[in-house]
Amino acid sequence: MKILCVSDHIDPLIYTNSIRERFSDVDMILAAGDLPLDYLDFIVSSLNKPAFFIFGNHHLRDYTKFCGKDELCKPENADDVYFGPGAAHLGSKVMTENGVIVAGLGGCMKYNNEKNQYTEFRMKMEIAKIIPALFCNRIFRGRYLDILLTHASPRGIHDREDKCHQGFSSFLWFMRVFRPRFLVHGHIHLYDMSEVRTTRYENTTVINAYGHYLLNTEDS
């Protein structure tokens, strides 16, 4: 399966009329946060493929959805947010699409009092929400999951030393215990595209999806 991963930056290679030709062989879309809603709508409606997203720590006001009854779903009700054809919020959830098991953990390290920021302890609580589903997958599918989609990076992998951009140590524990094949994250901007954006940790390939990244699940 080929997956288009996007995060943090409106990529001119994506936001173009040629998106259908350029990414016609994509099977799934994963959005790792901090992207305007209309940009995500454009990608989903252009490619018409299953899509999953998590919230970053910016653009939260953009994440609203007309729900009928002349109301908008607020970010706090993100579990109910579905937009575009086949797109769903994956925050603190586990879903399966075409045999690929994906889970999502949004937000970043707490650095002020804005929304969708977590202490290390709070992120552990978010992880705890998905553990029952992971164990069910292990029993019935033979594995916990294939891809973990996060906004923040793991601690010490692609992260920065300022509080906002520090990664979560709990993600390192998660990878050791649940062994996803891939962890796809955003949040860490790549101003020099020669910077490292893929790193191996234990059994997991960690990928920075800044801008866009094409992931082939046949890769190891």
C-alpha atoms as a PDB file:
ATOM      1  CA  MET A   1       0.000   0.000   0.000  1.00  0.00           C
ATOM      2  CA  LYS A   2       1.198   3.508  -0.839  1.00  0.00           C
ATOM      3  CA  ILE A   3       0.297   6.216   1.669  1.00  0.00           C
ATOM      4  CA  LEU A   4       0.502   9.984   1.239  1.00  0.00           C
ATOM      5  CA  CYS A   5       1.575  11.507   4.576  1.00  0.00           C
ATOM      6  CA  VAL A   6       1.204  15.270   5.043  1.00  0.00           C
ATOM      7  CA  SER A   7       1.863  17.665   7.903  1.00  0.00           C
ATOM      8  CA  ASP A   8       2.428  21.283   8.966  1.00  0.00           C
ATOM      9  CA  HIS A   9       3.077  22.890   5.580  1.00  0.00           C
ATOM     10  CA  ILE A  10       0.926  23.594   2.526  1.00  0.00           C
ATOM     11  CA  ASP A  11       3.075  21.859  -0.045  1.00  0.00           C
ATOM     12  CA  PRO A  12       2.912  23.324  -3.578  1.00  0.00           C
ATOM     13  CA  LEU A  13       3.537  19.832  -4.955  1.00  0.00           C
ATOM     14  CA  ILE A  14       0.256  18.806  -3.315  1.00  0.00           C
ATOM     15  CA  TYR A  15      -1.832  21.968  -3.643  1.00  0.00           C
ATOM     16  CA  THR A  16      -1.991  21.930  -7.439  1.00  0.00           C
ATOM     17  CA  ASN A  17      -4.349  20.900 -10.215  1.00  0.00           C
ATOM     18  CA  SER A  18      -1.935  18.091 -11.094  1.00  0.00           C
ATOM     19  CA  ILE A  19      -2.393  16.331  -7.749  1.00  0.00           C
ATOM     20  CA  ARG A  20      -4.477  13.554  -9.318  1.00  0.00           C
ATOM     21  CA  GLU A  21      -1.841  12.731 -11.906  1.00  0.00           C
ATOM     22  CA  ARG A  22       1.073  13.035  -9.473  1.00  0.00           C
ATOM     23  CA  PHE A  23      -0.473  10.897  -6.720  1.00  0.00           C
ATOM     24  CA  SER A  24      -2.844   8.661  -8.668  1.00  0.00           C
ATOM     25  CA  ASP A  25      -1.374   5.493  -7.139  1.00  0.00           C
ATOM     26  CA  VAL A  26      -1.901   6.564  -3.515  1.00  0.00           C
ATOM     27  CA  ASP A  27      -4.132   4.228  -1.479  1.00  0.00           C
ATOM     28  CA  MET A  28      -4.494   6.202   1.762  1.00  0.00           C
ATOM     29  CA  ILE A  29      -3.875   9.669   3.219  1.00  0.00           C
ATOM     30  CA  LEU A  30      -2.499  10.350   6.711  1.00  0.00           C
ATOM     31  CA  ALA A  31      -2.419  13.927   8.017  1.00  0.00           C
ATOM     32  CA  ALA A  32      -0.182  14.480  11.069  1.00  0.00           C
ATOM     33  CA  GLY A  33      -1.594  17.840  12.149  1.00  0.00           C
ATOM     34  CA  ASP A  34      -1.269  21.623  11.817  1.00  0.00           C
ATOM     35  CA  LEU A  35      -2.870  21.847   8.390  1.00  0.00           C
ATOM     36  CA  PRO A  36      -5.858  24.072   7.482  1.00  0.00           C
ATOM     37  CA  LEU A  37      -9.123  22.264   6.959  1.00  0.00           C
ATOM     38  CA  ASP A  38      -9.612  23.506   3.413  1.00  0.00           C
ATOM     39  CA  TYR A  39      -6.195  22.119   2.418  1.00  0.00           C
ATOM     40  CA  LEU A  40      -7.082  18.693   3.784  1.00  0.00           C
ATOM     41  CA  ASP A  41     -10.462  18.864   2.074  1.00  0.00           C
ATOM     42  CA  PHE A  42      -8.696  19.608  -1.201  1.00  0.00           C
ATOM     43  CA  ILE A  43      -6.443  16.555  -0.859  1.00  0.00           C
ATOM     44  CA  VAL A  44      -9.250  14.203   0.117  1.00  0.00           C
ATOM     45  CA  SER A  45     -11.696  15.379  -2.530  1.00  0.00           C
ATOM     46  CA  SER A  46      -9.015  15.378  -5.247  1.00  0.00           C
ATOM     47  CA  LEU A  47      -7.702  11.882  -4.573  1.00  0.00           C
ATOM     48  CA  ASN A  48     -10.918  10.336  -3.216  1.00  0.00           C
ATOM     49  CA  LYS A  49      -9.007   7.933  -0.986  1.00  0.00           C
ATOM     50  CA  PRO A  50      -9.531   6.974   2.661  1.00  0.00           C
ATOM     51  CA  ALA A  51      -7.968   9.625   4.900  1.00  0.00           C
ATOM     52  CA  PHE A  52      -7.226   9.943   8.590  1.00  0.00           C
ATOM     53  CA  PHE A  53      -6.059  12.985  10.536  1.00  0.00           C
ATOM     54  CA  ILE A  54      -5.018  14.063  14.014  1.00  0.00           C
ATOM     55  CA  PHE A  55      -4.883  17.524  15.543  1.00  0.00           C
ATOM     56  CA  GLY A  56      -1.609  19.339  15.918  1.00  0.00           C
ATOM     57  CA  ASN A  57      -1.256  22.367  18.178  1.00  0.00           C
ATOM     58  CA  HIS A  58      -2.212  25.032  15.608  1.00  0.00           C
ATOM     59  CA  HIS A  59      -5.175  25.628  13.270  1.00  0.00           C
ATOM     60  CA  LEU A  60      -7.577  24.229  15.869  1.00  0.00           C
ATOM     61  CA  ARG A  61     -10.185  26.853  14.988  1.00  0.00           C
ATOM     62  CA  ASP A  62     -10.135  25.534  11.436  1.00  0.00           C
ATOM     63  CA  TYR A  63     -11.109  22.042  12.545  1.00  0.00           C
ATOM     64  CA  THR A  64     -14.858  22.471  12.463  1.00  0.00           C
ATOM     65  CA  LYS A  65     -17.399  20.591  10.466  1.00  0.00           C
ATOM     66  CA  PHE A  66     -20.992  21.225   9.484  1.00  0.00           C
ATOM     67  CA  CYS A  67     -22.925  18.494  11.280  1.00  0.00           C
ATOM     68  CA  GLY A  68     -26.449  19.263  10.131  1.00  0.00           C
ATOM     69  CA  LYS A  69     -28.956  21.096  12.314  1.00  0.00           C
ATOM     70  CA  ASP A  70     -27.102  24.324  11.454  1.00  0.00           C
ATOM     71  CA  GLU A  71     -24.302  23.515  13.895  1.00  0.00           C
ATOM     72  CA  LEU A  72     -20.557  23.206  13.722  1.00  0.00           C
ATOM     73  CA  CYS A  73     -18.691  20.480  15.571  1.00  0.00           C
ATOM     74  CA  LYS A  74     -16.026  22.120  17.730  1.00  0.00           C
ATOM     75  CA  PRO A  75     -12.490  20.740  18.109  1.00  0.00           C
ATOM     76  CA  GLU A  76     -13.430  19.523  21.600  1.00  0.00           C
ATOM     77  CA  ASN A  77     -15.885  17.158  19.901  1.00  0.00           C
ATOM     78  CA  ALA A  78     -13.270  15.946  17.470  1.00  0.00           C
ATOM     79  CA  ASP A  79     -14.327  12.309  17.863  1.00  0.00           C
ATOM     80  CA  ASP A  80     -17.454  13.202  15.900  1.00  0.00           C
ATOM     81  CA  VAL A  81     -15.624  15.047  13.127  1.00  0.00           C
ATOM     82  CA  TYR A  82     -15.718  13.509   9.665  1.00  0.00           C
ATOM     83  CA  PHE A  83     -15.007  15.643   6.650  1.00  0.00           C
ATOM     84  CA  GLY A  84     -14.730  15.005   2.971  1.00  0.00           C
ATOM     85  CA  PRO A  85     -15.104  11.557   1.389  1.00  0.00           C
ATOM     86  CA  GLY A  86     -13.727   8.927   3.742  1.00  0.00           C
ATOM     87  CA  ALA A  87     -11.767  11.179   6.102  1.00  0.00           C
ATOM     88  CA  ALA A  88     -11.921  10.563   9.853  1.00  0.00           C
ATOM     89  CA  HIS A  89     -10.367  11.891  13.030  1.00  0.00           C
ATOM     90  CA  LEU A  90      -7.882   9.346  14.440  1.00  0.00           C
ATOM     91  CA  GLY A  91      -6.937  11.046  17.692  1.00  0.00           C
ATOM     92  CA  SER A  92      -6.651   8.474  20.526  1.00  0.00           C
ATOM     93  CA  LYS A  93      -8.282   5.852  18.297  1.00  0.00           C
ATOM     94  CA  VAL A  94      -7.367   2.690  16.430  1.00  0.00           C
ATOM     95  CA  MET A  95      -8.833   1.976  12.989  1.00  0.00           C
ATOM     96  CA  THR A  96      -8.244  -0.502  10.183  1.00  0.00           C
ATOM     97  CA  GLU A  97      -8.303   0.345   6.486  1.00  0.00           C
ATOM     98  CA  ASN A  98      -7.680  -2.245   3.770  1.00  0.00           C
ATOM     99  CA  GLY A  99      -5.931  -4.483   6.274  1.00  0.00           C
ATOM    100  CA  VAL A 100      -3.633  -1.738   7.607  1.00  0.00           C
ATOM    101  CA  ILE A 101      -4.047  -0.985  11.315  1.00  0.00           C
ATOM    102  CA  VAL A 102      -3.487   2.668  12.190  1.00  0.00           C
ATOM    103  CA  ALA A 103      -3.652   4.519  15.518  1.00  0.00           C
ATOM    104  CA  GLY A 104      -3.370   8.233  16.254  1.00  0.00           C
ATOM    105  CA  LEU A 105      -2.081  10.440  19.074  1.00  0.00           C
ATOM    106  CA  GLY A 106      -2.410  14.178  18.460  1.00  0.00           C
ATOM    107  CA  GLY A 107      -0.975  17.212  20.202  1.00  0.00           C
ATOM    108  CA  CYS A 108       2.456  18.254  21.401  1.00  0.00           C
ATOM    109  CA  MET A 109       4.381  18.738  24.633  1.00  0.00           C
ATOM    110  CA  LYS A 110       2.754  21.259  26.967  1.00  0.00           C
ATOM    111  CA  TYR A 111       4.542  24.627  26.729  1.00  0.00           C
ATOM    112  CA  ASN A 112       1.749  27.147  27.439  1.00  0.00           C
ATOM    113  CA  ASN A 113      -1.948  26.966  28.146  1.00  0.00           C
ATOM    114  CA  GLU A 114      -3.250  26.537  24.613  1.00  0.00           C
ATOM    115  CA  LYS A 115      -5.290  23.543  23.432  1.00  0.00           C
ATOM    116  CA  ASN A 116      -4.040  20.093  22.541  1.00  0.00           C
ATOM    117  CA  GLN A 117      -0.849  20.207  24.584  1.00  0.00           C
ATOM    118  CA  TYR A 118       0.081  17.412  26.961  1.00  0.00           C
ATOM    119  CA  THR A 119       2.437  16.697  29.796  1.00  0.00           C
ATOM    120  CA  GLU A 120       4.230  13.385  29.575  1.00  0.00           C
ATOM    121  CA  PHE A 121       1.735  11.948  32.075  1.00  0.00           C
ATOM    122  CA  ARG A 122      -1.267  13.177  30.070  1.00  0.00           C
ATOM    123  CA  MET A 123       0.109  11.615  26.913  1.00  0.00           C
ATOM    124  CA  LYS A 124       0.432   8.316  28.768  1.00  0.00           C
ATOM    125  CA  MET A 125      -3.253   8.640  29.583  1.00  0.00           C
ATOM    126  CA  GLU A 126      -4.026   9.134  25.879  1.00  0.00           C
ATOM    127  CA  ILE A 127      -2.006   6.026  25.085  1.00  0.00           C
ATOM    128  CA  ALA A 128      -3.950   4.107  27.731  1.00  0.00           C
ATOM    129  CA  LYS A 129      -7.185   4.828  25.829  1.00  0.00           C
ATOM    130  CA  ILE A 130      -6.047   2.789  22.824  1.00  0.00           C
ATOM    131  CA  ILE A 131      -4.348  -0.109  24.602  1.00  0.00           C
ATOM    132  CA  PRO A 132      -7.500  -2.311  24.787  1.00  0.00           C
ATOM    133  CA  ALA A 133      -7.968  -2.048  21.003  1.00  0.00           C
ATOM    134  CA  LEU A 134      -4.290  -2.852  20.465  1.00  0.00           C
ATOM    135  CA  PHE A 135      -4.548  -6.037  22.510  1.00  0.00           C
ATOM    136  CA  CYS A 136      -7.660  -7.043  20.569  1.00  0.00           C
ATOM    137  CA  ASN A 137      -5.689  -6.622  17.364  1.00  0.00           C
ATOM    138  CA  ARG A 138      -2.894  -8.761  18.785  1.00  0.00           C
ATOM    139  CA  ILE A 139      -5.356 -11.558  19.564  1.00  0.00           C
ATOM    140  CA  PHE A 140      -7.423 -11.464  16.377  1.00  0.00           C
ATOM    141  CA  ARG A 141      -4.948 -10.097  13.803  1.00  0.00           C
ATOM    142  CA  GLY A 142      -1.637 -11.315  15.167  1.00  0.00           C
ATOM    143  CA  ARG A 143      -0.172  -7.834  15.669  1.00  0.00           C
ATOM    144  CA  TYR A 144      -0.959  -4.694  17.636  1.00  0.00           C
ATOM    145  CA  LEU A 145      -0.836  -2.175  14.786  1.00  0.00           C
ATOM    146  CA  ASP A 146       1.048  -1.198  11.652  1.00  0.00           C
ATOM    147  CA  ILE A 147       1.267   2.614  11.810  1.00  0.00           C
ATOM    148  CA  LEU A 148       1.180   5.074  14.696  1.00  0.00           C
ATOM    149  CA  LEU A 149       0.298   8.597  13.526  1.00  0.00           C
ATOM    150  CA  THR A 150       1.427  11.356  15.908  1.00  0.00           C
ATOM    151  CA  HIS A 151       1.904  15.091  15.734  1.00  0.00           C
ATOM    152  CA  ALA A 152       4.892  15.317  18.062  1.00  0.00           C
ATOM    153  CA  SER A 153       7.942  13.160  17.536  1.00  0.00           C
ATOM    154  CA  PRO A 154       9.419  10.639  19.981  1.00  0.00           C
ATOM    155  CA  ARG A 155      11.926  12.048  22.488  1.00  0.00           C
ATOM    156  CA  GLY A 156      15.396  12.171  21.004  1.00  0.00           C
ATOM    157  CA  ILE A 157      14.250  11.347  17.461  1.00  0.00           C
ATOM    158  CA  HIS A 158      13.862  14.327  15.115  1.00  0.00           C
ATOM    159  CA  ASP A 159      12.826  16.572  18.028  1.00  0.00           C
ATOM    160  CA  ARG A 160      14.270  19.859  19.315  1.00  0.00           C
ATOM    161  CA  GLU A 161      15.388  20.999  22.754  1.00  0.00           C
ATOM    162  CA  ASP A 162      12.866  23.832  23.211  1.00  0.00           C
ATOM    163  CA  LYS A 163       9.855  22.744  25.254  1.00  0.00           C
ATOM    164  CA  CYS A 164       7.367  23.129  22.435  1.00  0.00           C
ATOM    165  CA  HIS A 165       9.247  20.796  20.109  1.00  0.00           C
ATOM    166  CA  GLN A 166      10.470  18.197  22.557  1.00  0.00           C
ATOM    167  CA  GLY A 167       9.242  14.706  21.772  1.00  0.00           C
ATOM    168  CA  PHE A 168       7.466  12.314  24.118  1.00  0.00           C
ATOM    169  CA  SER A 169       9.427   9.608  25.910  1.00  0.00           C
ATOM    170  CA  SER A 170       6.199   7.625  26.094  1.00  0.00           C
ATOM    171  CA  PHE A 171       6.370   7.169  22.318  1.00  0.00           C
ATOM    172  CA  LEU A 172       9.699   5.359  22.767  1.00  0.00           C
ATOM    173  CA  TRP A 173       8.035   3.013  25.258  1.00  0.00           C
ATOM    174  CA  PHE A 174       5.117   2.566  22.859  1.00  0.00           C
ATOM    175  CA  MET A 175       7.408   1.516  20.021  1.00  0.00           C
ATOM    176  CA  ARG A 176       9.283  -0.957  22.208  1.00  0.00           C
ATOM    177  CA  VAL A 177       6.101  -2.587  23.515  1.00  0.00           C
ATOM    178  CA  PHE A 178       3.683  -2.468  20.563  1.00  0.00           C
ATOM    179  CA  ARG A 179       6.222  -2.581  17.711  1.00  0.00           C
ATOM    180  CA  PRO A 180       4.476  -0.588  14.954  1.00  0.00           C
ATOM    181  CA  ARG A 181       6.229  -0.876  11.614  1.00  0.00           C
ATOM    182  CA  PHE A 182       6.027   2.893  11.171  1.00  0.00           C
ATOM    183  CA  LEU A 183       5.585   5.977  13.316  1.00  0.00           C
ATOM    184  CA  VAL A 184       4.615   8.989  11.207  1.00  0.00           C
ATOM    185  CA  HIS A 185       4.855  12.389  12.888  1.00  0.00           C
ATOM    186  CA  GLY A 186       4.770  16.099  12.066  1.00  0.00           C
ATOM    187  CA  HIS A 187       5.526  19.207  14.154  1.00  0.00           C
ATOM    188  CA  ILE A 188       9.257  19.339  13.340  1.00  0.00           C
ATOM    189  CA  HIS A 189       9.735  21.676  10.383  1.00  0.00           C
ATOM    190  CA  LEU A 190      12.407  20.829   7.854  1.00  0.00           C
ATOM    191  CA  TYR A 191      13.914  24.049   6.525  1.00  0.00           C
ATOM    192  CA  ASP A 192      16.731  22.105   4.884  1.00  0.00           C
ATOM    193  CA  MET A 193      15.229  19.189   2.985  1.00  0.00           C
ATOM    194  CA  SER A 194      18.534  17.332   3.315  1.00  0.00           C
ATOM    195  CA  GLU A 195      17.843  16.966   7.041  1.00  0.00           C
ATOM    196  CA  VAL A 196      17.221  13.461   8.318  1.00  0.00           C
ATOM    197  CA  ARG A 197      13.527  12.601   8.117  1.00  0.00           C
ATOM    198  CA  THR A 198      13.580   8.821   8.602  1.00  0.00           C
ATOM    199  CA  THR A 199      15.152   7.048  11.582  1.00  0.00           C
ATOM    200  CA  ARG A 200      15.066   3.448  12.718  1.00  0.00           C
ATOM    201  CA  TYR A 201      14.199   2.737  16.374  1.00  0.00           C
ATOM    202  CA  GLU A 202      13.924  -0.886  17.487  1.00  0.00           C
ATOM    203  CA  ASN A 203      11.413  -2.418  15.008  1.00  0.00           C
ATOM    204  CA  THR A 204       9.925   0.906  13.914  1.00  0.00           C
ATOM    205  CA  THR A 205      10.796   3.334  11.131  1.00  0.00           C
ATOM    206  CA  VAL A 206      10.120   6.879  12.376  1.00  0.00           C
ATOM    207  CA  ILE A 207       9.144   9.304   9.582  1.00  0.00           C
ATOM    208  CA  ASN A 208       8.846  13.085   9.635  1.00  0.00           C
ATOM    209  CA  ALA A 209       5.926  13.877   7.319  1.00  0.00           C
ATOM    210  CA  TYR A 210       6.615  17.644   7.115  1.00  0.00           C
ATOM    211  CA  GLY A 211       5.295  18.883   3.770  1.00  0.00           C
ATOM    212  CA  HIS A 212       4.617  15.474   2.312  1.00  0.00           C
ATOM    213  CA  TYR A 213       6.129  12.014   2.366  1.00  0.00           C
ATOM    214  CA  LEU A 214       5.181   8.974   0.307  1.00  0.00           C
ATOM    215  CA  LEU A 215       5.201   5.848   2.438  1.00  0.00           C
ATOM    216  CA  ASN A 216       5.188   2.413   0.859  1.00  0.00           C
ATOM    217  CA  THR A 217       4.214  -0.209   3.408  1.00  0.00           C
ATOM    218  CA  GLU A 218       6.380  -2.723   1.550  1.00  0.00           C
ATOM    219  CA  ASP A 219       9.399  -0.759   2.790  1.00  0.00           C
ATOM    220  CA  SER A 220      11.042  -2.000   5.970  1.00  0.00           C
END
